[in-house]
Protein backbone atom coordinates (compact mmCIF):
# COMPACT_ATOMS: atom_id res chain seq x y z
CA UNK A 1 0.00 0.00 0.00
CA UNK A 2 1.29 3.44 -0.88
CA UNK A 3 2.05 5.81 1.98
CA UNK A 4 0.54 9.30 1.94
CA UNK A 5 3.89 10.84 0.87
CA UNK A 6 4.16 8.37 -2.01
CA UNK A 7 0.67 9.30 -3.17
CA UNK A 8 1.58 12.99 -2.95
CA UNK A 9 4.69 12.41 -5.08
CA UNK A 10 2.62 10.56 -7.68
CA UNK A 11 0.02 13.37 -7.71
CA UNK A 12 2.73 16.03 -8.08
CA UNK A 13 4.42 14.11 -10.88
CA UNK A 14 1.14 13.67 -12.70
CA UNK A 15 0.27 17.37 -12.32
CA UNK A 16 3.69 18.37 -13.68
CA UNK A 17 3.18 16.14 -16.72
CA UNK A 18 -0.33 17.47 -17.38
CA UNK A 19 0.81 21.07 -16.90
CA UNK A 20 3.71 20.55 -19.32
CA UNK A 21 1.49 19.02 -22.00
CA UNK A 22 -1.17 21.69 -21.64
CA UNK A 23 1.47 24.42 -21.61
CA UNK A 24 2.98 23.11 -24.87
CA UNK A 25 -0.49 23.15 -26.41
CA UNK A 26 -1.14 26.69 -25.09
CA UNK A 27 -4.04 25.45 -22.99
CA UNK A 28 -2.72 27.04 -19.78
CA UNK A 29 -3.35 30.66 -18.90
CA UNK A 30 -0.08 32.62 -18.98
CA UNK A 31 -0.68 33.87 -15.44
CA UNK A 32 -1.07 30.36 -13.96
CA UNK A 33 2.14 29.01 -12.52
CA UNK A 34 3.04 25.35 -12.32
CA UNK A 35 2.86 25.56 -8.52
CA UNK A 36 -0.71 26.90 -8.65
CA UNK A 37 -1.67 24.20 -11.13
CA UNK A 38 -0.19 21.47 -8.91
CA UNK A 39 -1.91 22.78 -5.80
CA UNK A 40 -5.26 22.89 -7.59
CA UNK A 41 -4.75 19.38 -9.01
CA UNK A 42 -3.80 17.53 -5.84
CA UNK A 43 -6.64 15.73 -4.04
CA UNK A 44 -7.78 17.40 -0.82
CA UNK A 45 -6.66 14.49 1.37
CA UNK A 46 -3.05 14.95 0.17
CA UNK A 47 -2.78 18.74 0.44
CA UNK A 48 -1.41 18.62 3.99
CA UNK A 49 1.48 16.47 2.69
CA UNK A 50 2.38 18.82 -0.17
CA UNK A 51 5.10 21.41 0.37
CA UNK A 52 7.07 23.63 -1.97
CA UNK A 53 10.16 21.60 -1.02
CA UNK A 54 8.47 18.36 -2.08
CA UNK A 55 7.29 19.92 -5.35
CA UNK A 56 10.83 21.19 -6.01
CA UNK A 57 12.31 17.79 -5.21
CA UNK A 58 9.95 15.98 -7.59
CA UNK A 59 10.42 18.59 -10.33
CA UNK A 60 14.21 18.44 -9.98
CA UNK A 61 14.18 14.65 -10.24
CA UNK A 62 11.88 14.63 -13.27
CA UNK A 63 13.97 17.29 -15.00
CA UNK A 64 17.24 15.45 -14.36
CA UNK A 65 15.86 12.14 -15.68
CA UNK A 66 14.50 13.72 -18.86
CA UNK A 67 17.75 15.56 -19.56
CA UNK A 68 19.96 12.47 -19.37
CA UNK A 69 21.14 11.06 -22.71
CA UNK A 70 19.49 7.77 -23.71
PDB file of N, CA and C in Angstrom:
ATOM      1  N   UNK A   1       0.834  -1.174   0.000  1.00  0.00           N
ATOM      2  CA  UNK A   1       0.000   0.000   0.000  1.00  0.00           C
ATOM      3  C   UNK A   1       0.882   1.243   0.000  1.00  0.00           C
ATOM      4  N   UNK A   2       0.524   2.200  -0.812  1.00  0.00           N
ATOM      5  CA  UNK A   2       1.295   3.440  -0.876  1.00  0.00           C
ATOM      6  C   UNK A   2       1.060   4.283   0.367  1.00  0.00           C
ATOM      7  N   UNK A   3       2.142   4.865   0.866  1.00  0.00           N
ATOM      8  CA  UNK A   3       2.048   5.809   1.978  1.00  0.00           C
ATOM      9  C   UNK A   3       1.536   7.141   1.440  1.00  0.00           C
ATOM     10  N   UNK A   4       1.095   8.001   2.332  1.00  0.00           N
ATOM     11  CA  UNK A   4       0.539   9.296   1.938  1.00  0.00           C
ATOM     12  C   UNK A   4       1.566  10.122   1.154  1.00  0.00           C
ATOM     13  N   UNK A   5       2.831  10.095   1.573  1.00  0.00           N
ATOM     14  CA  UNK A   5       3.885  10.841   0.866  1.00  0.00           C
ATOM     15  C   UNK A   5       4.078  10.296  -0.546  1.00  0.00           C
ATOM     16  N   UNK A   6       4.032   8.989  -0.698  1.00  0.00           N
ATOM     17  CA  UNK A   6       4.162   8.365  -2.013  1.00  0.00           C
ATOM     18  C   UNK A   6       3.024   8.803  -2.941  1.00  0.00           C
ATOM     19  N   UNK A   7       1.823   8.851  -2.388  1.00  0.00           N
ATOM     20  CA  UNK A   7       0.671   9.301  -3.170  1.00  0.00           C
ATOM     21  C   UNK A   7       0.827  10.760  -3.566  1.00  0.00           C
ATOM     22  N   UNK A   8       1.358  11.573  -2.655  1.00  0.00           N
ATOM     23  CA  UNK A   8       1.578  12.986  -2.950  1.00  0.00           C
ATOM     24  C   UNK A   8       2.611  13.152  -4.063  1.00  0.00           C
ATOM     25  N   UNK A   9       3.667  12.367  -4.032  1.00  0.00           N
ATOM     26  CA  UNK A   9       4.695  12.411  -5.081  1.00  0.00           C
ATOM     27  C   UNK A   9       4.091  12.014  -6.422  1.00  0.00           C
ATOM     28  N   UNK A  10       3.269  10.981  -6.432  1.00  0.00           N
ATOM     29  CA  UNK A  10       2.617  10.565  -7.682  1.00  0.00           C
ATOM     30  C   UNK A  10       1.693  11.663  -8.196  1.00  0.00           C
ATOM     31  N   UNK A  11       0.941  12.300  -7.306  1.00  0.00           N
ATOM     32  CA  UNK A  11       0.025  13.372  -7.713  1.00  0.00           C
ATOM     33  C   UNK A  11       0.796  14.568  -8.258  1.00  0.00           C
ATOM     34  N   UNK A  12       1.891  14.920  -7.612  1.00  0.00           N
ATOM     35  CA  UNK A  12       2.726  16.031  -8.081  1.00  0.00           C
ATOM     36  C   UNK A  12       3.299  15.712  -9.451  1.00  0.00           C
ATOM     37  N   UNK A  13       3.833  14.519  -9.606  1.00  0.00           N
ATOM     38  CA  UNK A  13       4.415  14.106 -10.876  1.00  0.00           C
ATOM     39  C   UNK A  13       3.388  14.152 -12.000  1.00  0.00           C
ATOM     40  N   UNK A  14       2.208  13.652 -11.714  1.00  0.00           N
ATOM     41  CA  UNK A  14       1.137  13.674 -12.700  1.00  0.00           C
ATOM     42  C   UNK A  14       0.756  15.112 -13.062  1.00  0.00           C
ATOM     43  N   UNK A  15       0.633  15.969 -12.065  1.00  0.00           N
ATOM     44  CA  UNK A  15       0.269  17.370 -12.320  1.00  0.00           C
ATOM     45  C   UNK A  15       1.344  18.078 -13.144  1.00  0.00           C
ATOM     46  N   UNK A  16       2.598  17.781 -12.895  1.00  0.00           N
ATOM     47  CA  UNK A  16       3.689  18.371 -13.678  1.00  0.00           C
ATOM     48  C   UNK A  16       3.577  17.929 -15.134  1.00  0.00           C
ATOM     49  N   UNK A  17       3.311  16.653 -15.349  1.00  0.00           N
ATOM     50  CA  UNK A  17       3.177  16.139 -16.715  1.00  0.00           C
ATOM     51  C   UNK A  17       1.996  16.790 -17.440  1.00  0.00           C
ATOM     52  N   UNK A  18       0.859  16.864 -16.772  1.00  0.00           N
ATOM     53  CA  UNK A  18      -0.327  17.469 -17.379  1.00  0.00           C
ATOM     54  C   UNK A  18      -0.084  18.949 -17.659  1.00  0.00           C
ATOM     55  N   UNK A  19       0.513  19.642 -16.711  1.00  0.00           N
ATOM     56  CA  UNK A  19       0.812  21.065 -16.899  1.00  0.00           C
ATOM     57  C   UNK A  19       1.724  21.248 -18.117  1.00  0.00           C
ATOM     58  N   UNK A  20       2.753  20.434 -18.212  1.00  0.00           N
ATOM     59  CA  UNK A  20       3.713  20.550 -19.320  1.00  0.00           C
ATOM     60  C   UNK A  20       3.031  20.324 -20.670  1.00  0.00           C
ATOM     61  N   UNK A  21       2.199  19.307 -20.753  1.00  0.00           N
ATOM     62  CA  UNK A  21       1.487  19.016 -22.001  1.00  0.00           C
ATOM     63  C   UNK A  21       0.541  20.159 -22.357  1.00  0.00           C
ATOM     64  N   UNK A  22      -0.226  20.600 -21.390  1.00  0.00           N
ATOM     65  CA  UNK A  22      -1.171  21.690 -21.641  1.00  0.00           C
ATOM     66  C   UNK A  22      -0.452  22.989 -21.968  1.00  0.00           C
ATOM     67  N   UNK A  23       0.686  23.213 -21.337  1.00  0.00           N
ATOM     68  CA  UNK A  23       1.467  24.418 -21.608  1.00  0.00           C
ATOM     69  C   UNK A  23       2.010  24.399 -23.043  1.00  0.00           C
ATOM     70  N   UNK A  24       2.498  23.247 -23.493  1.00  0.00           N
ATOM     71  CA  UNK A  24       2.981  23.110 -24.868  1.00  0.00           C
ATOM     72  C   UNK A  24       1.875  23.348 -25.880  1.00  0.00           C
ATOM     73  N   UNK A  25       0.656  22.993 -25.517  1.00  0.00           N
ATOM     74  CA  UNK A  25      -0.491  23.154 -26.409  1.00  0.00           C
ATOM     75  C   UNK A  25      -1.203  24.494 -26.188  1.00  0.00           C
ATOM     76  N   UNK A  26      -0.590  25.364 -25.414  1.00  0.00           N
ATOM     77  CA  UNK A  26      -1.137  26.693 -25.089  1.00  0.00           C
ATOM     78  C   UNK A  26      -2.531  26.621 -24.477  1.00  0.00           C
ATOM     79  N   UNK A  27      -2.755  25.611 -23.658  1.00  0.00           N
ATOM     80  CA  UNK A  27      -4.039  25.449 -22.987  1.00  0.00           C
ATOM     81  C   UNK A  27      -4.005  25.959 -21.540  1.00  0.00           C
ATOM     82  N   UNK A  28      -2.867  26.514 -21.133  1.00  0.00           N
ATOM     83  CA  UNK A  28      -2.717  27.042 -19.778  1.00  0.00           C
ATOM     84  C   UNK A  28      -2.661  28.559 -19.868  1.00  0.00           C
ATOM     85  N   UNK A  29      -3.387  29.202 -18.983  1.00  0.00           N
ATOM     86  CA  UNK A  29      -3.345  30.660 -18.904  1.00  0.00           C
ATOM     87  C   UNK A  29      -1.915  31.100 -18.567  1.00  0.00           C
ATOM     88  N   UNK A  30      -1.451  32.168 -19.200  1.00  0.00           N
ATOM     89  CA  UNK A  30      -0.077  32.623 -18.976  1.00  0.00           C
ATOM     90  C   UNK A  30       0.168  33.070 -17.540  1.00  0.00           C
ATOM     91  N   UNK A  31      -0.884  33.429 -16.824  1.00  0.00           N
ATOM     92  CA  UNK A  31      -0.676  33.872 -15.445  1.00  0.00           C
ATOM     93  C   UNK A  31      -0.820  32.733 -14.430  1.00  0.00           C
ATOM     94  N   UNK A  32      -1.001  31.487 -14.884  1.00  0.00           N
ATOM     95  CA  UNK A  32      -1.072  30.359 -13.962  1.00  0.00           C
ATOM     96  C   UNK A  32       0.279  29.667 -13.890  1.00  0.00           C
ATOM     97  N   UNK A  33       0.838  29.650 -12.706  1.00  0.00           N
ATOM     98  CA  UNK A  33       2.139  29.012 -12.516  1.00  0.00           C
ATOM     99  C   UNK A  33       1.964  27.500 -12.347  1.00  0.00           C
ATOM    100  N   UNK A  34       3.063  26.789 -12.501  1.00  0.00           N
ATOM    101  CA  UNK A  34       3.040  25.347 -12.315  1.00  0.00           C
ATOM    102  C   UNK A  34       2.663  25.020 -10.872  1.00  0.00           C
ATOM    103  N   UNK A  35       3.161  25.792  -9.934  1.00  0.00           N
ATOM    104  CA  UNK A  35       2.859  25.558  -8.515  1.00  0.00           C
ATOM    105  C   UNK A  35       1.353  25.670  -8.275  1.00  0.00           C
ATOM    106  N   UNK A  36       0.744  26.732  -8.798  1.00  0.00           N
ATOM    107  CA  UNK A  36      -0.708  26.904  -8.648  1.00  0.00           C
ATOM    108  C   UNK A  36      -1.465  25.734  -9.264  1.00  0.00           C
ATOM    109  N   UNK A  37      -1.031  25.322 -10.444  1.00  0.00           N
ATOM    110  CA  UNK A  37      -1.674  24.201 -11.129  1.00  0.00           C
ATOM    111  C   UNK A  37      -1.570  22.930 -10.280  1.00  0.00           C
ATOM    112  N   UNK A  38      -0.390  22.668  -9.739  1.00  0.00           N
ATOM    113  CA  UNK A  38      -0.186  21.473  -8.912  1.00  0.00           C
ATOM    114  C   UNK A  38      -1.088  21.523  -7.689  1.00  0.00           C
ATOM    115  N   UNK A  39      -1.110  22.663  -7.011  1.00  0.00           N
ATOM    116  CA  UNK A  39      -1.909  22.778  -5.796  1.00  0.00           C
ATOM    117  C   UNK A  39      -3.399  22.622  -6.064  1.00  0.00           C
ATOM    118  N   UNK A  40      -3.851  23.052  -7.235  1.00  0.00           N
ATOM    119  CA  UNK A  40      -5.261  22.890  -7.589  1.00  0.00           C
ATOM    120  C   UNK A  40      -5.570  21.461  -8.035  1.00  0.00           C
ATOM    121  N   UNK A  41      -4.556  20.734  -8.473  1.00  0.00           N
ATOM    122  CA  UNK A  41      -4.752  19.384  -9.010  1.00  0.00           C
ATOM    123  C   UNK A  41      -4.672  18.288  -7.958  1.00  0.00           C
ATOM    124  N   UNK A  42      -4.017  18.556  -6.866  1.00  0.00           N
ATOM    125  CA  UNK A  42      -3.797  17.535  -5.839  1.00  0.00           C
ATOM    126  C   UNK A  42      -5.092  17.296  -5.063  1.00  0.00           C
ATOM    127  N   UNK A  43      -5.443  16.035  -4.836  1.00  0.00           N
ATOM    128  CA  UNK A  43      -6.642  15.729  -4.044  1.00  0.00           C
ATOM    129  C   UNK A  43      -6.561  16.343  -2.635  1.00  0.00           C
ATOM    130  N   UNK A  44      -7.707  16.732  -2.125  1.00  0.00           N
ATOM    131  CA  UNK A  44      -7.781  17.403  -0.816  1.00  0.00           C
ATOM    132  C   UNK A  44      -7.085  16.607   0.287  1.00  0.00           C
ATOM    133  N   UNK A  45      -7.239  15.291   0.288  1.00  0.00           N
ATOM    134  CA  UNK A  45      -6.665  14.491   1.373  1.00  0.00           C
ATOM    135  C   UNK A  45      -5.132  14.450   1.352  1.00  0.00           C
ATOM    136  N   UNK A  46      -4.519  14.940   0.268  1.00  0.00           N
ATOM    137  CA  UNK A  46      -3.052  14.952   0.174  1.00  0.00           C
ATOM    138  C   UNK A  46      -2.457  16.342   0.368  1.00  0.00           C
ATOM    139  N   UNK A  47      -3.281  17.366   0.385  1.00  0.00           N
ATOM    140  CA  UNK A  47      -2.778  18.742   0.438  1.00  0.00           C
ATOM    141  C   UNK A  47      -1.919  19.017   1.664  1.00  0.00           C
ATOM    142  N   UNK A  48      -2.209  18.387   2.776  1.00  0.00           N
ATOM    143  CA  UNK A  48      -1.406  18.618   3.986  1.00  0.00           C
ATOM    144  C   UNK A  48      -0.003  18.030   3.849  1.00  0.00           C
ATOM    145  N   UNK A  49       0.184  17.116   2.928  1.00  0.00           N
ATOM    146  CA  UNK A  49       1.477  16.471   2.694  1.00  0.00           C
ATOM    147  C   UNK A  49       2.339  17.261   1.708  1.00  0.00           C
ATOM    148  N   UNK A  50       1.694  18.071   0.883  1.00  0.00           N
ATOM    149  CA  UNK A  50       2.383  18.816  -0.170  1.00  0.00           C
ATOM    150  C   UNK A  50       3.096  20.025   0.422  1.00  0.00           C
ATOM    151  N   UNK A  51       4.332  20.222   0.004  1.00  0.00           N
ATOM    152  CA  UNK A  51       5.099  21.414   0.374  1.00  0.00           C
ATOM    153  C   UNK A  51       5.861  21.875  -0.860  1.00  0.00           C
ATOM    154  N   UNK A  52       6.290  23.119  -0.841  1.00  0.00           N
ATOM    155  CA  UNK A  52       7.071  23.632  -1.966  1.00  0.00           C
ATOM    156  C   UNK A  52       8.373  22.843  -2.100  1.00  0.00           C
ATOM    157  N   UNK A  53       8.925  22.394  -0.979  1.00  0.00           N
ATOM    158  CA  UNK A  53      10.159  21.600  -1.019  1.00  0.00           C
ATOM    159  C   UNK A  53       9.920  20.261  -1.715  1.00  0.00           C
ATOM    160  N   UNK A  54       8.781  19.640  -1.433  1.00  0.00           N
ATOM    161  CA  UNK A  54       8.474  18.355  -2.078  1.00  0.00           C
ATOM    162  C   UNK A  54       8.231  18.555  -3.577  1.00  0.00           C
ATOM    163  N   UNK A  55       7.520  19.620  -3.929  1.00  0.00           N
ATOM    164  CA  UNK A  55       7.293  19.925  -5.348  1.00  0.00           C
ATOM    165  C   UNK A  55       8.627  20.153  -6.045  1.00  0.00           C
ATOM    166  N   UNK A  56       9.507  20.939  -5.431  1.00  0.00           N
ATOM    167  CA  UNK A  56      10.834  21.193  -6.012  1.00  0.00           C
ATOM    168  C   UNK A  56      11.638  19.913  -6.171  1.00  0.00           C
ATOM    169  N   UNK A  57      11.577  19.059  -5.168  1.00  0.00           N
ATOM    170  CA  UNK A  57      12.314  17.793  -5.209  1.00  0.00           C
ATOM    171  C   UNK A  57      11.830  16.908  -6.358  1.00  0.00           C
ATOM    172  N   UNK A  58      10.519  16.795  -6.512  1.00  0.00           N
ATOM    173  CA  UNK A  58       9.947  15.985  -7.591  1.00  0.00           C
ATOM    174  C   UNK A  58      10.289  16.599  -8.940  1.00  0.00           C
ATOM    175  N   UNK A  59      10.125  17.918  -9.067  1.00  0.00           N
ATOM    176  CA  UNK A  59      10.419  18.587 -10.329  1.00  0.00           C
ATOM    177  C   UNK A  59      11.892  18.433 -10.697  1.00  0.00           C
ATOM    178  N   UNK A  60      12.772  18.595  -9.730  1.00  0.00           N
ATOM    179  CA  UNK A  60      14.211  18.442  -9.981  1.00  0.00           C
ATOM    180  C   UNK A  60      14.532  17.031 -10.463  1.00  0.00           C
ATOM    181  N   UNK A  61      13.940  16.032  -9.832  1.00  0.00           N
ATOM    182  CA  UNK A  61      14.179  14.649 -10.239  1.00  0.00           C
ATOM    183  C   UNK A  61      13.675  14.397 -11.660  1.00  0.00           C
ATOM    184  N   UNK A  62      12.447  14.821 -11.936  1.00  0.00           N
ATOM    185  CA  UNK A  62      11.880  14.627 -13.267  1.00  0.00           C
ATOM    186  C   UNK A  62      12.735  15.316 -14.328  1.00  0.00           C
ATOM    187  N   UNK A  63      13.149  16.530 -14.042  1.00  0.00           N
ATOM    188  CA  UNK A  63      13.975  17.289 -14.999  1.00  0.00           C
ATOM    189  C   UNK A  63      15.301  16.590 -15.239  1.00  0.00           C
ATOM    190  N   UNK A  64      15.924  16.084 -14.194  1.00  0.00           N
ATOM    191  CA  UNK A  64      17.243  15.445 -14.363  1.00  0.00           C
ATOM    192  C   UNK A  64      17.133  14.155 -15.139  1.00  0.00           C
ATOM    193  N   UNK A  65      16.056  13.406 -14.963  1.00  0.00           N
ATOM    194  CA  UNK A  65      15.860  12.143 -15.678  1.00  0.00           C
ATOM    195  C   UNK A  65      15.615  12.401 -17.161  1.00  0.00           C
ATOM    196  N   UNK A  66      14.827  13.434 -17.474  1.00  0.00           N
ATOM    197  CA  UNK A  66      14.503  13.722 -18.862  1.00  0.00           C
ATOM    198  C   UNK A  66      15.657  14.367 -19.617  1.00  0.00           C
ATOM    199  N   UNK A  67      16.629  14.916 -18.900  1.00  0.00           N
ATOM    200  CA  UNK A  67      17.753  15.563 -19.556  1.00  0.00           C
ATOM    201  C   UNK A  67      18.937  14.623 -19.778  1.00  0.00           C
ATOM    202  N   UNK A  68      18.867  13.435 -19.212  1.00  0.00           N
ATOM    203  CA  UNK A  68      19.959  12.474 -19.372  1.00  0.00           C
ATOM    204  C   UNK A  68      19.923  11.872 -20.770  1.00  0.00           C
ATOM    205  N   UNK A  69      21.105  11.687 -21.385  1.00  0.00           N
ATOM    206  CA  UNK A  69      21.137  11.056 -22.714  1.00  0.00           C
ATOM    207  C   UNK A  69      20.653   9.614 -22.645  1.00  0.00           C
ATOM    208  N   UNK A  70      20.008   9.145 -23.686  1.00  0.00           N
ATOM    209  CA  UNK A  70      19.494   7.773 -23.710  1.00  0.00           C
ATOM    210  C   UNK A  70      20.568   6.789 -24.050  1.00  0.00           C
TER     211      UNK A  70
END
